[in-house]
PDB file of all heavy atoms in Angstrom:
ATOM      1  N   ILE A   1     114.273  81.545  77.151  1.00  0.00           N
ATOM      2  CA  ILE A   1     115.701  81.618  77.452  1.00  0.00           C
ATOM      3  C   ILE A   1     116.345  80.299  77.068  1.00  0.00           C
ATOM      4  O   ILE A   1     115.986  79.245  77.596  1.00  0.00           O
ATOM      5  CB  ILE A   1     115.942  81.920  78.946  1.00  0.00           C
ATOM      6  CG1 ILE A   1     115.340  83.287  79.304  1.00  0.00           C
ATOM      7  CG2 ILE A   1     117.416  81.897  79.292  1.00  0.00           C
ATOM      8  CD1 ILE A   1     114.307  83.238  80.374  1.00  0.00           C
ATOM      9  N   THR A   2     117.280  80.339  76.124  1.00  0.00           N
ATOM     10  CA  THR A   2     117.900  79.132  75.593  1.00  0.00           C
ATOM     11  C   THR A   2     119.283  78.927  76.203  1.00  0.00           C
ATOM     12  O   THR A   2     120.157  79.791  76.087  1.00  0.00           O
ATOM     13  CB  THR A   2     118.015  79.213  74.059  1.00  0.00           C
ATOM     14  OG1 THR A   2     116.715  79.429  73.502  1.00  0.00           O
ATOM     15  CG2 THR A   2     118.608  77.938  73.482  1.00  0.00           C
ATOM     16  N   LEU A   3     119.457  77.798  76.900  1.00  0.00           N
ATOM     17  CA  LEU A   3     120.760  77.354  77.420  1.00  0.00           C
ATOM     18  C   LEU A   3     121.365  78.260  78.482  1.00  0.00           C
ATOM     19  O   LEU A   3     122.542  78.125  78.812  1.00  0.00           O
ATOM     20  CB  LEU A   3     121.764  77.146  76.271  1.00  0.00           C
ATOM     21  CG  LEU A   3     121.419  76.012  75.304  1.00  0.00           C
ATOM     22  CD1 LEU A   3     122.370  76.032  74.111  1.00  0.00           C
ATOM     23  CD2 LEU A   3     121.476  74.662  76.006  1.00  0.00           C
ATOM     24  N   GLY A   4     120.612  79.171  79.034  1.00  0.00           N
ATOM     25  CA  GLY A   4     121.079  79.959  80.176  1.00  0.00           C
ATOM     26  C   GLY A   4     122.112  81.017  79.831  1.00  0.00           C
ATOM     27  O   GLY A   4     122.169  81.533  78.719  1.00  0.00           O
ATOM     28  N   GLY A   5     122.933  81.368  80.843  1.00  0.00           N
ATOM     29  CA  GLY A   5     123.928  82.422  80.665  1.00  0.00           C
ATOM     30  C   GLY A   5     123.315  83.804  80.593  1.00  0.00           C
ATOM     31  O   GLY A   5     123.938  84.739  80.068  1.00  0.00           O
ATOM     32  N   SER A   6     122.110  83.963  81.117  1.00  0.00           N
ATOM     33  CA  SER A   6     121.381  85.227  81.018  1.00  0.00           C
ATOM     34  C   SER A   6     121.078  85.779  82.407  1.00  0.00           C
ATOM     35  O   SER A   6     120.927  85.026  83.369  1.00  0.00           O
ATOM     36  CB  SER A   6     120.044  85.026  80.285  1.00  0.00           C
ATOM     37  OG  SER A   6     120.247  84.385  79.047  1.00  0.00           O
ATOM     38  N   SER A   7     120.957  87.111  82.499  1.00  0.00           N
ATOM     39  CA  SER A   7     120.548  87.725  83.756  1.00  0.00           C
ATOM     40  C   SER A   7     119.719  88.970  83.468  1.00  0.00           C
ATOM     41  O   SER A   7     119.915  89.645  82.444  1.00  0.00           O
ATOM     42  CB  SER A   7     121.753  88.076  84.632  1.00  0.00           C
ATOM     43  OG  SER A   7     122.673  88.888  83.946  1.00  0.00           O
ATOM     44  N   PHE A   8     118.785  89.257  84.381  1.00  0.00           N
ATOM     45  CA  PHE A   8     117.810  90.320  84.177  1.00  0.00           C
ATOM     46  C   PHE A   8     117.573  91.056  85.489  1.00  0.00           C
ATOM     47  O   PHE A   8     117.585  90.445  86.561  1.00  0.00           O
ATOM     48  CB  PHE A   8     116.479  89.737  83.690  1.00  0.00           C
ATOM     49  CG  PHE A   8     116.616  88.825  82.508  1.00  0.00           C
ATOM     50  CD1 PHE A   8     116.780  87.455  82.699  1.00  0.00           C
ATOM     51  CD2 PHE A   8     116.596  89.321  81.220  1.00  0.00           C
ATOM     52  CE1 PHE A   8     116.918  86.600  81.611  1.00  0.00           C
ATOM     53  CE2 PHE A   8     116.739  88.478  80.137  1.00  0.00           C
ATOM     54  CZ  PHE A   8     116.892  87.109  80.330  1.00  0.00           C
ATOM     55  N   GLN A   9     117.335  92.362  85.389  1.00  0.00           N
ATOM     56  CA  GLN A   9     116.992  93.168  86.561  1.00  0.00           C
ATOM     57  C   GLN A   9     115.560  93.668  86.424  1.00  0.00           C
ATOM     58  O   GLN A   9     115.174  94.222  85.385  1.00  0.00           O
ATOM     59  CB  GLN A   9     117.935  94.360  86.703  1.00  0.00           C
ATOM     60  CG  GLN A   9     117.668  95.184  87.958  1.00  0.00           C
ATOM     61  CD  GLN A   9     118.648  96.338  88.103  1.00  0.00           C
ATOM     62  OE1 GLN A   9     119.240  96.791  87.126  1.00  0.00           O
ATOM     63  NE2 GLN A   9     118.814  96.804  89.332  1.00  0.00           N
ATOM     64  N   PHE A  10     114.768  93.454  87.479  1.00  0.00           N
ATOM     65  CA  PHE A  10     113.385  93.915  87.501  1.00  0.00           C
ATOM     66  C   PHE A  10     113.350  95.341  88.045  1.00  0.00           C
ATOM     67  O   PHE A  10     113.798  95.594  89.164  1.00  0.00           O
ATOM     68  CB  PHE A  10     112.528  93.003  88.374  1.00  0.00           C
ATOM     69  CG  PHE A  10     112.376  91.611  87.816  1.00  0.00           C
ATOM     70  CD1 PHE A  10     113.329  90.636  88.087  1.00  0.00           C
ATOM     71  CD2 PHE A  10     111.300  91.281  87.007  1.00  0.00           C
ATOM     72  CE1 PHE A  10     113.199  89.358  87.564  1.00  0.00           C
ATOM     73  CE2 PHE A  10     111.167  90.012  86.486  1.00  0.00           C
ATOM     74  CZ  PHE A  10     112.116  89.039  86.765  1.00  0.00           C
ATOM     75  N   LEU A  11     112.820  96.260  87.259  1.00  0.00           N
ATOM     76  CA  LEU A  11     112.775  97.662  87.664  1.00  0.00           C
ATOM     77  C   LEU A  11     111.432  98.037  88.292  1.00  0.00           C
ATOM     78  O   LEU A  11     111.227  99.187  88.656  1.00  0.00           O
ATOM     79  CB  LEU A  11     113.076  98.566  86.461  1.00  0.00           C
ATOM     80  CG  LEU A  11     114.422  98.279  85.763  1.00  0.00           C
ATOM     81  CD1 LEU A  11     114.671  99.286  84.641  1.00  0.00           C
ATOM     82  CD2 LEU A  11     115.578  98.284  86.756  1.00  0.00           C
ATOM     83  N   LYS A  12     110.523  97.061  88.417  1.00  0.00           N
ATOM     84  CA  LYS A  12     109.244  97.236  89.108  1.00  0.00           C
ATOM     85  C   LYS A  12     108.933  95.962  89.882  1.00  0.00           C
ATOM     86  O   LYS A  12     109.395  94.872  89.530  1.00  0.00           O
ATOM     87  CB  LYS A  12     108.101  97.472  88.107  1.00  0.00           C
ATOM     88  CG  LYS A  12     108.207  98.722  87.263  1.00  0.00           C
ATOM     89  CD  LYS A  12     107.011  98.761  86.301  1.00  0.00           C
ATOM     90  CE  LYS A  12     107.044  99.981  85.401  1.00  0.00           C
ATOM     91  NZ  LYS A  12     105.885  99.980  84.455  1.00  0.00           N
ATOM     92  N   ASP A  13     108.126  96.107  90.943  1.00  0.00           N
ATOM     93  CA  ASP A  13     107.633  94.918  91.655  1.00  0.00           C
ATOM     94  C   ASP A  13     106.777  94.067  90.717  1.00  0.00           C
ATOM     95  O   ASP A  13     106.095  94.591  89.835  1.00  0.00           O
ATOM     96  CB  ASP A  13     106.766  95.323  92.843  1.00  0.00           C
ATOM     97  CG  ASP A  13     107.533  96.062  93.929  1.00  0.00           C
ATOM     98  OD1 ASP A  13     108.784  96.086  93.863  1.00  0.00           O
ATOM     99  OD2 ASP A  13     106.880  96.611  94.835  1.00  0.00           O
ATOM    100  N   SER A  14     106.804  92.756  90.925  1.00  0.00           N
ATOM    101  CA  SER A  14     105.956  91.884  90.127  1.00  0.00           C
ATOM    102  C   SER A  14     105.878  90.509  90.777  1.00  0.00           C
ATOM    103  O   SER A  14     106.353  90.295  91.901  1.00  0.00           O
ATOM    104  CB  SER A  14     106.484  91.763  88.693  1.00  0.00           C
ATOM    105  OG  SER A  14     105.528  91.105  87.874  1.00  0.00           O
ATOM    106  N   VAL A  15     105.253  89.587  90.076  1.00  0.00           N
ATOM    107  CA  VAL A  15     105.237  88.166  90.429  1.00  0.00           C
ATOM    108  C   VAL A  15     105.619  87.407  89.167  1.00  0.00           C
ATOM    109  O   VAL A  15     105.152  87.744  88.070  1.00  0.00           O
ATOM    110  CB  VAL A  15     103.845  87.714  90.927  1.00  0.00           C
ATOM    111  CG1 VAL A  15     103.852  86.236  91.296  1.00  0.00           C
ATOM    112  CG2 VAL A  15     103.409  88.559  92.105  1.00  0.00           C
ATOM    113  N   ILE A  16     106.469  86.409  89.298  1.00  0.00           N
ATOM    114  CA  ILE A  16     106.954  85.684  88.131  1.00  0.00           C
ATOM    115  C   ILE A  16     106.759  84.188  88.310  1.00  0.00           C
ATOM    116  O   ILE A  16     106.486  83.688  89.403  1.00  0.00           O
ATOM    117  CB  ILE A  16     108.452  85.964  87.864  1.00  0.00           C
ATOM    118  CG1 ILE A  16     109.320  85.370  88.988  1.00  0.00           C
ATOM    119  CG2 ILE A  16     108.709  87.454  87.664  1.00  0.00           C
ATOM    120  CD1 ILE A  16     110.812  85.318  88.651  1.00  0.00           C
ATOM    121  N   CYS A  17     106.939  83.467  87.213  1.00  0.00           N
ATOM    122  CA  CYS A  17     107.006  82.011  87.232  1.00  0.00           C
ATOM    123  C   CYS A  17     107.999  81.573  86.161  1.00  0.00           C
ATOM    124  O   CYS A  17     108.033  82.153  85.062  1.00  0.00           O
ATOM    125  CB  CYS A  17     105.634  81.394  86.969  1.00  0.00           C
ATOM    126  SG  CYS A  17     105.645  79.583  86.977  1.00  0.00           S
ATOM    127  N   ILE A  18     108.804  80.562  86.478  1.00  0.00           N
ATOM    128  CA  ILE A  18     109.753  79.984  85.531  1.00  0.00           C
ATOM    129  C   ILE A  18     109.337  78.541  85.269  1.00  0.00           C
ATOM    130  O   ILE A  18     109.070  77.784  86.207  1.00  0.00           O
ATOM    131  CB  ILE A  18     111.192  80.010  86.086  1.00  0.00           C
ATOM    132  CG1 ILE A  18     111.603  81.448  86.435  1.00  0.00           C
ATOM    133  CG2 ILE A  18     112.168  79.407  85.084  1.00  0.00           C
ATOM    134  CD1 ILE A  18     112.854  81.521  87.288  1.00  0.00           C
ATOM    135  N   SER A  19     109.293  78.156  84.006  1.00  0.00           N
ATOM    136  CA  SER A  19     108.923  76.793  83.653  1.00  0.00           C
ATOM    137  C   SER A  19     109.864  76.270  82.571  1.00  0.00           C
ATOM    138  O   SER A  19     110.736  76.977  82.090  1.00  0.00           O
ATOM    139  CB  SER A  19     107.473  76.740  83.159  1.00  0.00           C
ATOM    140  OG  SER A  19     107.361  77.471  81.945  1.00  0.00           O
ATOM    141  N   GLY A  20     109.643  75.015  82.185  1.00  0.00           N
ATOM    142  CA  GLY A  20     110.459  74.426  81.128  1.00  0.00           C
ATOM    143  C   GLY A  20     111.759  73.866  81.656  1.00  0.00           C
ATOM    144  O   GLY A  20     111.797  73.193  82.690  1.00  0.00           O
ATOM    145  N   ALA A  21     112.858  74.142  80.952  1.00  0.00           N
ATOM    146  CA  ALA A  21     114.165  73.603  81.319  1.00  0.00           C
ATOM    147  C   ALA A  21     114.627  74.115  82.674  1.00  0.00           C
ATOM    148  O   ALA A  21     114.305  75.242  83.068  1.00  0.00           O
ATOM    149  CB  ALA A  21     115.198  73.971  80.254  1.00  0.00           C
ATOM    150  N   ASP A  22     115.388  73.298  83.371  1.00  0.00           N
ATOM    151  CA  ASP A  22     116.031  73.711  84.617  1.00  0.00           C
ATOM    152  C   ASP A  22     117.376  74.322  84.269  1.00  0.00           C
ATOM    153  O   ASP A  22     118.336  73.617  83.966  1.00  0.00           O
ATOM    154  CB  ASP A  22     116.201  72.506  85.539  1.00  0.00           C
ATOM    155  CG  ASP A  22     116.799  72.888  86.892  1.00  0.00           C
ATOM    156  OD1 ASP A  22     117.204  74.060  87.069  1.00  0.00           O
ATOM    157  OD2 ASP A  22     116.867  72.005  87.769  1.00  0.00           O
ATOM    158  N   LEU A  23     117.431  75.642  84.270  1.00  0.00           N
ATOM    159  CA  LEU A  23     118.666  76.376  83.961  1.00  0.00           C
ATOM    160  C   LEU A  23     119.314  76.929  85.221  1.00  0.00           C
ATOM    161  O   LEU A  23     120.026  77.928  85.183  1.00  0.00           O
ATOM    162  CB  LEU A  23     118.385  77.499  82.953  1.00  0.00           C
ATOM    163  CG  LEU A  23     117.783  77.075  81.609  1.00  0.00           C
ATOM    164  CD1 LEU A  23     117.669  78.274  80.672  1.00  0.00           C
ATOM    165  CD2 LEU A  23     118.589  75.965  80.957  1.00  0.00           C
ATOM    166  N   ASN A  24     119.052  76.261  86.353  1.00  0.00           N
ATOM    167  CA  ASN A  24     119.713  76.607  87.615  1.00  0.00           C
ATOM    168  C   ASN A  24     119.524  78.096  87.926  1.00  0.00           C
ATOM    169  O   ASN A  24     120.481  78.825  88.184  1.00  0.00           O
ATOM    170  CB  ASN A  24     121.201  76.247  87.530  1.00  0.00           C
ATOM    171  CG  ASN A  24     121.889  76.248  88.882  1.00  0.00           C
ATOM    172  OD1 ASN A  24     121.244  76.188  89.928  1.00  0.00           O
ATOM    173  ND2 ASN A  24     123.203  76.336  88.862  1.00  0.00           N
ATOM    174  N   ALA A  25     118.265  78.528  87.925  1.00  0.00           N
ATOM    175  CA  ALA A  25     117.958  79.952  88.113  1.00  0.00           C
ATOM    176  C   ALA A  25     118.209  80.397  89.551  1.00  0.00           C
ATOM    177  O   ALA A  25     117.993  79.638  90.505  1.00  0.00           O
ATOM    178  CB  ALA A  25     116.506  80.220  87.736  1.00  0.00           C
ATOM    179  N   GLU A  26     118.660  81.646  89.689  1.00  0.00           N
ATOM    180  CA  GLU A  26     118.904  82.251  91.002  1.00  0.00           C
ATOM    181  C   GLU A  26     118.284  83.647  91.031  1.00  0.00           C
ATOM    182  O   GLU A  26     118.467  84.432  90.097  1.00  0.00           O
ATOM    183  CB  GLU A  26     120.402  82.375  91.274  1.00  0.00           C
ATOM    184  CG  GLU A  26     121.135  81.046  91.355  1.00  0.00           C
ATOM    185  CD  GLU A  26     122.633  81.236  91.546  1.00  0.00           C
ATOM    186  OE1 GLU A  26     123.174  82.231  91.018  1.00  0.00           O
ATOM    187  OE2 GLU A  26     123.242  80.391  92.220  1.00  0.00           O
ATOM    188  N   LEU A  27     117.578  83.948  92.107  1.00  0.00           N
ATOM    189  CA  LEU A  27     117.028  85.279  92.333  1.00  0.00           C
ATOM    190  C   LEU A  27     117.805  85.916  93.470  1.00  0.00           C
ATOM    191  O   LEU A  27     117.798  85.408  94.592  1.00  0.00           O
ATOM    192  CB  LEU A  27     115.540  85.187  92.683  1.00  0.00           C
ATOM    193  CG  LEU A  27     114.834  86.514  92.940  1.00  0.00           C
ATOM    194  CD1 LEU A  27     114.825  87.392  91.697  1.00  0.00           C
ATOM    195  CD2 LEU A  27     113.409  86.274  93.439  1.00  0.00           C
ATOM    196  N   ASN A  28     118.508  87.016  93.155  1.00  0.00           N
ATOM    197  CA  ASN A  28     119.383  87.671  94.138  1.00  0.00           C
ATOM    198  C   ASN A  28     120.319  86.649  94.785  1.00  0.00           C
ATOM    199  O   ASN A  28     120.500  86.597  95.998  1.00  0.00           O
ATOM    200  CB  ASN A  28     118.548  88.393  95.196  1.00  0.00           C
ATOM    201  CG  ASN A  28     117.686  89.479  94.586  1.00  0.00           C
ATOM    202  OD1 ASN A  28     118.071  90.133  93.618  1.00  0.00           O
ATOM    203  ND2 ASN A  28     116.493  89.666  95.144  1.00  0.00           N
ATOM    204  N   SER A  29     120.906  85.802  93.926  1.00  0.00           N
ATOM    205  CA  SER A  29     121.916  84.787  94.292  1.00  0.00           C
ATOM    206  C   SER A  29     121.373  83.602  95.098  1.00  0.00           C
ATOM    207  O   SER A  29     122.140  82.799  95.610  1.00  0.00           O
ATOM    208  CB  SER A  29     123.081  85.428  95.066  1.00  0.00           C
ATOM    209  OG  SER A  29     123.710  86.431  94.291  1.00  0.00           O
ATOM    210  N   LYS A  30     120.048  83.487  95.180  1.00  0.00           N
ATOM    211  CA  LYS A  30     119.442  82.345  95.876  1.00  0.00           C
ATOM    212  C   LYS A  30     118.659  81.503  94.878  1.00  0.00           C
ATOM    213  O   LYS A  30     117.947  82.049  94.015  1.00  0.00           O
ATOM    214  CB  LYS A  30     118.522  82.821  96.992  1.00  0.00           C
ATOM    215  CG  LYS A  30     119.265  83.546  98.117  1.00  0.00           C
ATOM    216  CD  LYS A  30     118.296  83.965  99.223  1.00  0.00           C
ATOM    217  CE  LYS A  30     119.038  84.682 100.353  1.00  0.00           C
ATOM    218  NZ  LYS A  30     118.110  85.111 101.438  1.00  0.00           N
ATOM    219  N   PRO A  31     118.759  80.179  94.961  1.00  0.00           N
ATOM    220  CA  PRO A  31     118.050  79.302  94.015  1.00  0.00           C
ATOM    221  C   PRO A  31     116.545  79.536  94.050  1.00  0.00           C
ATOM    222  O   PRO A  31     115.966  79.797  95.111  1.00  0.00           O
ATOM    223  CB  PRO A  31     118.385  77.891  94.510  1.00  0.00           C
ATOM    224  CG  PRO A  31     119.629  78.048  95.313  1.00  0.00           C
ATOM    225  CD  PRO A  31     119.550  79.403  95.940  1.00  0.00           C
ATOM    226  N   VAL A  32     115.914  79.453  92.889  1.00  0.00           N
ATOM    227  CA  VAL A  32     114.460  79.572  92.805  1.00  0.00           C
ATOM    228  C   VAL A  32     113.902  78.337  92.110  1.00  0.00           C
ATOM    229  O   VAL A  32     114.532  77.780  91.212  1.00  0.00           O
ATOM    230  CB  VAL A  32     114.022  80.850  92.054  1.00  0.00           C
ATOM    231  CG1 VAL A  32     114.336  82.089  92.871  1.00  0.00           C
ATOM    232  CG2 VAL A  32     114.693  80.951  90.698  1.00  0.00           C
ATOM    233  N   PRO A  33     112.732  77.886  92.523  1.00  0.00           N
ATOM    234  CA  PRO A  33     112.164  76.656  91.966  1.00  0.00           C
ATOM    235  C   PRO A  33     111.442  76.902  90.645  1.00  0.00           C
ATOM    236  O   PRO A  33     111.021  78.018  90.336  1.00  0.00           O
ATOM    237  CB  PRO A  33     111.174  76.227  93.049  1.00  0.00           C
ATOM    238  CG  PRO A  33     110.716  77.533  93.640  1.00  0.00           C
ATOM    239  CD  PRO A  33     111.920  78.440  93.617  1.00  0.00           C
ATOM    240  N   LEU A  34     111.276  75.841  89.901  1.00  0.00           N
ATOM    241  CA  LEU A  34     110.440  75.872  88.709  1.00  0.00           C
ATOM    242  C   LEU A  34     108.968  75.742  89.100  1.00  0.00           C
ATOM    243  O   LEU A  34     108.634  75.162  90.134  1.00  0.00           O
ATOM    244  CB  LEU A  34     110.806  74.725  87.769  1.00  0.00           C
ATOM    245  CG  LEU A  34     112.182  74.752  87.109  1.00  0.00           C
ATOM    246  CD1 LEU A  34     112.419  73.446  86.368  1.00  0.00           C
ATOM    247  CD2 LEU A  34     112.322  75.933  86.169  1.00  0.00           C
ATOM    248  N   ASN A  35     108.121  76.293  88.253  1.00  0.00           N
ATOM    249  CA  ASN A  35     106.669  76.077  88.329  1.00  0.00           C
ATOM    250  C   ASN A  35     106.063  76.553  89.645  1.00  0.00           C
ATOM    251  O   ASN A  35     105.143  75.939  90.183  1.00  0.00           O
ATOM    252  CB  ASN A  35     106.351  74.599  88.084  1.00  0.00           C
ATOM    253  CG  ASN A  35     106.986  74.076  86.808  1.00  0.00           C
ATOM    254  OD1 ASN A  35     106.908  74.717  85.771  1.00  0.00           O
ATOM    255  ND2 ASN A  35     107.639  72.936  86.891  1.00  0.00           N
ATOM    256  N   HIS A  36     106.575  77.668  90.176  1.00  0.00           N
ATOM    257  CA  HIS A  36     106.040  78.327  91.368  1.00  0.00           C
ATOM    258  C   HIS A  36     105.817  79.805  91.058  1.00  0.00           C
ATOM    259  O   HIS A  36     106.557  80.401  90.275  1.00  0.00           O
ATOM    260  CB  HIS A  36     107.028  78.252  92.545  1.00  0.00           C
ATOM    261  CG  HIS A  36     107.048  76.942  93.250  1.00  0.00           C
ATOM    262  ND1 HIS A  36     107.512  75.788  92.651  1.00  0.00           N
ATOM    263  CD2 HIS A  36     106.680  76.603  94.503  1.00  0.00           C
ATOM    264  CE1 HIS A  36     107.436  74.785  93.522  1.00  0.00           C
ATOM    265  NE2 HIS A  36     106.928  75.260  94.646  1.00  0.00           N
ATOM    266  N   SER A  37     104.823  80.418  91.694  1.00  0.00           N
ATOM    267  CA  SER A  37     104.723  81.875  91.641  1.00  0.00           C
ATOM    268  C   SER A  37     105.714  82.450  92.653  1.00  0.00           C
ATOM    269  O   SER A  37     105.819  81.961  93.780  1.00  0.00           O
ATOM    270  CB  SER A  37     103.300  82.338  91.950  1.00  0.00           C
ATOM    271  OG  SER A  37     102.910  81.945  93.245  1.00  0.00           O
ATOM    272  N   ILE A  38     106.461  83.461  92.231  1.00  0.00           N
ATOM    273  CA  ILE A  38     107.560  84.001  93.037  1.00  0.00           C
ATOM    274  C   ILE A  38     107.432  85.515  93.106  1.00  0.00           C
ATOM    275  O   ILE A  38     107.345  86.197  92.071  1.00  0.00           O
ATOM    276  CB  ILE A  38     108.925  83.625  92.421  1.00  0.00           C
ATOM    277  CG1 ILE A  38     109.064  82.097  92.326  1.00  0.00           C
ATOM    278  CG2 ILE A  38     110.073  84.219  93.226  1.00  0.00           C
ATOM    279  CD1 ILE A  38     110.157  81.650  91.388  1.00  0.00           C
ATOM    280  N   LYS A  39     107.410  86.065  94.321  1.00  0.00           N
ATOM    281  CA  LYS A  39     107.324  87.506  94.521  1.00  0.00           C
ATOM    282  C   LYS A  39     108.642  88.174  94.110  1.00  0.00           C
ATOM    283  O   LYS A  39     109.728  87.702  94.456  1.00  0.00           O
ATOM    284  CB  LYS A  39     107.016  87.808  95.986  1.00  0.00           C
ATOM    285  CG  LYS A  39     106.902  89.283  96.309  1.00  0.00           C
ATOM    286  CD  LYS A  39     106.376  89.491  97.720  1.00  0.00           C
ATOM    287  CE  LYS A  39     107.400  89.067  98.762  1.00  0.00           C
ATOM    288  NZ  LYS A  39     106.918  89.404 100.128  1.00  0.00           N
ATOM    289  N   ILE A  40     108.518  89.272  93.379  1.00  0.00           N
ATOM    290  CA  ILE A  40     109.684  90.027  92.907  1.00  0.00           C
ATOM    291  C   ILE A  40     109.600  91.459  93.423  1.00  0.00           C
ATOM    292  O   ILE A  40     108.573  92.127  93.248  1.00  0.00           O
ATOM    293  CB  ILE A  40     109.736  90.053  91.364  1.00  0.00           C
ATOM    294  CG1 ILE A  40     109.988  88.655  90.807  1.00  0.00           C
ATOM    295  CG2 ILE A  40     110.802  91.028  90.872  1.00  0.00           C
ATOM    296  CD1 ILE A  40     111.370  88.111  91.076  1.00  0.00           C
ATOM    297  N   LEU A  41     110.660  91.932  94.050  1.00  0.00           N
ATOM    298  CA  LEU A  41     110.750  93.327  94.473  1.00  0.00           C
ATOM    299  C   LEU A  41     111.628  94.114  93.503  1.00  0.00           C
ATOM    300  O   LEU A  41     112.533  93.557  92.864  1.00  0.00           O
ATOM    301  CB  LEU A  41     111.333  93.409  95.885  1.00  0.00           C
ATOM    302  CG  LEU A  41     110.496  92.765  96.994  1.00  0.00           C
ATOM    303  CD1 LEU A  41     111.230  92.869  98.326  1.00  0.00           C
ATOM    304  CD2 LEU A  41     109.108  93.404  97.086  1.00  0.00           C
ATOM    305  N   LYS A  42     111.338  95.397  93.410  1.00  0.00           N
ATOM    306  CA  LYS A  42     112.092  96.293  92.532  1.00  0.00           C
ATOM    307  C   LYS A  42     113.589  96.128  92.735  1.00  0.00           C
ATOM    308  O   LYS A  42     114.078  96.014  93.860  1.00  0.00           O
ATOM    309  CB  LYS A  42     111.680  97.744  92.804  1.00  0.00           C
ATOM    310  CG  LYS A  42     112.385  98.775  91.949  1.00  0.00           C
ATOM    311  CD  LYS A  42     111.888 100.169  92.284  1.00  0.00           C
ATOM    312  CE  LYS A  42     112.630 101.225  91.476  1.00  0.00           C
ATOM    313  NZ  LYS A  42     112.156 102.593  91.808  1.00  0.00           N
ATOM    314  N   ASN A  43     114.322  96.072  91.623  1.00  0.00           N
ATOM    315  CA  ASN A  43     115.778  95.944  91.537  1.00  0.00           C
ATOM    316  C   ASN A  43     116.289  94.525  91.808  1.00  0.00           C
ATOM    317  O   ASN A  43     117.501  94.303  91.855  1.00  0.00           O
ATOM    318  CB  ASN A  43     116.497  96.943  92.454  1.00  0.00           C
ATOM    319  CG  ASN A  43     116.305  98.378  91.991  1.00  0.00           C
ATOM    320  OD1 ASN A  43     116.259  98.634  90.778  1.00  0.00           O
ATOM    321  ND2 ASN A  43     116.162  99.308  92.922  1.00  0.00           N
ATOM    322  N   SER A  44     115.401  93.569  91.971  1.00  0.00           N
ATOM    323  CA  SER A  44     115.834  92.170  92.086  1.00  0.00           C
ATOM    324  C   SER A  44     116.508  91.727  90.789  1.00  0.00           C
ATOM    325  O   SER A  44     116.151  92.178  89.693  1.00  0.00           O
ATOM    326  CB  SER A  44     114.641  91.264  92.373  1.00  0.00           C
ATOM    327  OG  SER A  44     114.094  91.532  93.640  1.00  0.00           O
ATOM    328  N   VAL A  45     117.472  90.818  90.913  1.00  0.00           N
ATOM    329  CA  VAL A  45     118.212  90.301  89.755  1.00  0.00           C
ATOM    330  C   VAL A  45     117.975  88.799  89.641  1.00  0.00           C
ATOM    331  O   VAL A  45     118.171  88.048  90.602  1.00  0.00           O
ATOM    332  CB  VAL A  45     119.719  90.592  89.865  1.00  0.00           C
ATOM    333  CG1 VAL A  45     120.494  89.906  88.734  1.00  0.00           C
ATOM    334  CG2 VAL A  45     119.965  92.101  89.826  1.00  0.00           C
ATOM    335  N   LEU A  46     117.548  88.379  88.464  1.00  0.00           N
ATOM    336  CA  LEU A  46     117.299  86.966  88.171  1.00  0.00           C
ATOM    337  C   LEU A  46     118.359  86.485  87.189  1.00  0.00           C
ATOM    338  O   LEU A  46     118.553  87.095  86.133  1.00  0.00           O
ATOM    339  CB  LEU A  46     115.907  86.787  87.572  1.00  0.00           C
ATOM    340  CG  LEU A  46     115.496  85.368  87.176  1.00  0.00           C
ATOM    341  CD1 LEU A  46     115.392  84.462  88.403  1.00  0.00           C
ATOM    342  CD2 LEU A  46     114.173  85.390  86.415  1.00  0.00           C
TER     343      LEU A  46
END
């Protein structure tokens, strides 16, 4: 993801990790950290 301005909806449960640049990511409107495993529930928006 280059320079942000992007959003995605997860249609299945999963686990994710974000690394690299700090693009001020939010999961369901809440800040999420870099370099952590993060639980994702169906229909979550990143």
